[in-house]
Amino acid sequence: MSSGDAKDPSREVNLILPRSWRVESTDAFGSVGMFLAGVVMVTKNRYLVWPVLVLSISGVMNQRPMRYKDSGNSPWTNLTIELCTCKPF
């Protein structure tokens, strides 16, 4: 086979996973979503429900594993609480 062939078995390398996830920053979407969900429940402002729902879905889609220390809030908990804010409306 030629040296530029991508299917050449001699060019294979093993997959090496990282030891841990690099922590860039805290999850701002989860914290802001939980805060806004509380604001919606206290003020009963139905127009804030939809941005809160978008933030919670974004948090679930961008979640990280619960293996490292900084992952205290589960995005699924945020989504459940924020869906409960939609219930009275």
Protein backbone atom coordinates (compact mmCIF):
# COMPACT_ATOMS: atom_id res chain seq x y z
CA MET A 1 0.00 0.00 0.00
CA SER A 2 1.09 3.55 -0.53
CA SER A 3 2.24 5.69 2.37
CA GLY A 4 -0.68 8.11 1.96
CA ASP A 5 -3.41 5.46 2.21
CA ALA A 6 -5.68 6.06 5.20
CA LYS A 7 -6.72 2.38 5.32
CA ASP A 8 -3.17 1.13 5.79
CA PRO A 9 -3.18 -1.12 8.92
CA SER A 10 0.35 -0.06 9.86
CA ARG A 11 -0.89 3.52 10.47
CA GLU A 12 -3.37 2.47 13.18
CA VAL A 13 -2.96 3.85 16.70
CA ASN A 14 -4.68 2.89 19.93
CA LEU A 15 -7.41 5.12 21.34
CA ILE A 16 -6.26 6.75 24.59
CA LEU A 17 -8.92 8.38 26.77
CA PRO A 18 -8.04 11.26 29.11
CA ARG A 19 -7.62 10.47 32.80
CA SER A 20 -10.14 13.12 33.80
CA TRP A 21 -12.19 15.88 32.27
CA ARG A 22 -10.57 19.30 32.22
CA VAL A 23 -12.60 21.76 34.24
CA GLU A 24 -12.88 25.03 32.36
CA SER A 25 -15.41 26.81 34.53
CA THR A 26 -18.56 26.26 36.53
CA ASP A 27 -21.80 25.45 34.78
CA ALA A 28 -23.41 28.87 34.44
CA PHE A 29 -26.47 27.63 32.56
CA GLY A 30 -27.48 25.30 35.37
CA SER A 31 -27.08 27.93 38.08
CA VAL A 32 -28.88 30.64 36.13
CA GLY A 33 -31.63 28.19 35.17
CA MET A 34 -32.23 27.16 38.78
CA PHE A 35 -32.27 30.80 39.89
CA LEU A 36 -34.75 31.77 37.18
CA ALA A 37 -36.92 28.74 37.99
CA GLY A 38 -37.14 30.00 41.56
CA VAL A 39 -37.98 33.49 40.33
CA VAL A 40 -40.75 32.06 38.16
CA MET A 41 -42.21 30.11 41.08
CA VAL A 42 -42.14 33.11 43.40
CA THR A 43 -43.37 35.77 40.98
CA LYS A 44 -45.61 33.49 38.85
CA ASN A 45 -44.36 35.28 35.75
CA ARG A 46 -45.39 33.03 32.87
CA TYR A 47 -43.14 34.75 30.34
CA LEU A 48 -39.95 33.69 32.13
CA VAL A 49 -40.87 30.02 31.89
CA TRP A 50 -39.74 29.63 28.28
CA PRO A 51 -36.19 31.00 28.65
CA VAL A 52 -35.82 28.83 31.75
CA LEU A 53 -36.90 25.79 29.76
CA VAL A 54 -34.39 26.60 27.02
CA LEU A 55 -31.60 26.95 29.61
CA SER A 56 -32.50 23.62 31.22
CA ILE A 57 -32.57 21.76 27.90
CA SER A 58 -29.23 23.35 27.02
CA GLY A 59 -27.84 22.19 30.36
CA VAL A 60 -28.96 18.61 29.73
CA MET A 61 -27.50 18.57 26.24
CA ASN A 62 -24.15 19.98 27.43
CA GLN A 63 -23.82 17.95 30.61
CA ARG A 64 -20.58 16.44 31.81
CA PRO A 65 -20.05 13.22 33.70
CA MET A 66 -20.66 13.20 37.45
CA ARG A 67 -17.18 11.78 38.07
CA TYR A 68 -15.35 14.93 38.98
CA LYS A 69 -15.65 17.10 42.05
CA ASP A 70 -17.25 20.20 40.53
CA SER A 71 -20.32 18.43 39.16
CA GLY A 72 -22.69 19.00 42.07
CA ASN A 73 -25.93 19.75 40.26
CA SER A 74 -27.33 17.25 37.85
CA PRO A 75 -28.82 18.83 34.72
CA TRP A 76 -31.68 16.33 34.95
CA THR A 77 -32.60 17.77 38.36
CA ASN A 78 -32.59 21.26 36.87
CA LEU A 79 -34.81 20.11 34.00
CA THR A 80 -37.26 18.45 36.39
CA ILE A 81 -37.56 21.51 38.60
CA GLU A 82 -37.88 23.82 35.63
CA LEU A 83 -40.59 21.62 34.10
CA CYS A 84 -42.45 21.88 37.41
CA THR A 85 -42.47 25.65 36.99
CA CYS A 86 -44.39 25.20 33.73
CA LYS A 87 -47.08 23.06 35.37
CA PRO A 88 -49.32 25.82 36.85
CA PHE A 89 -49.37 27.71 33.57
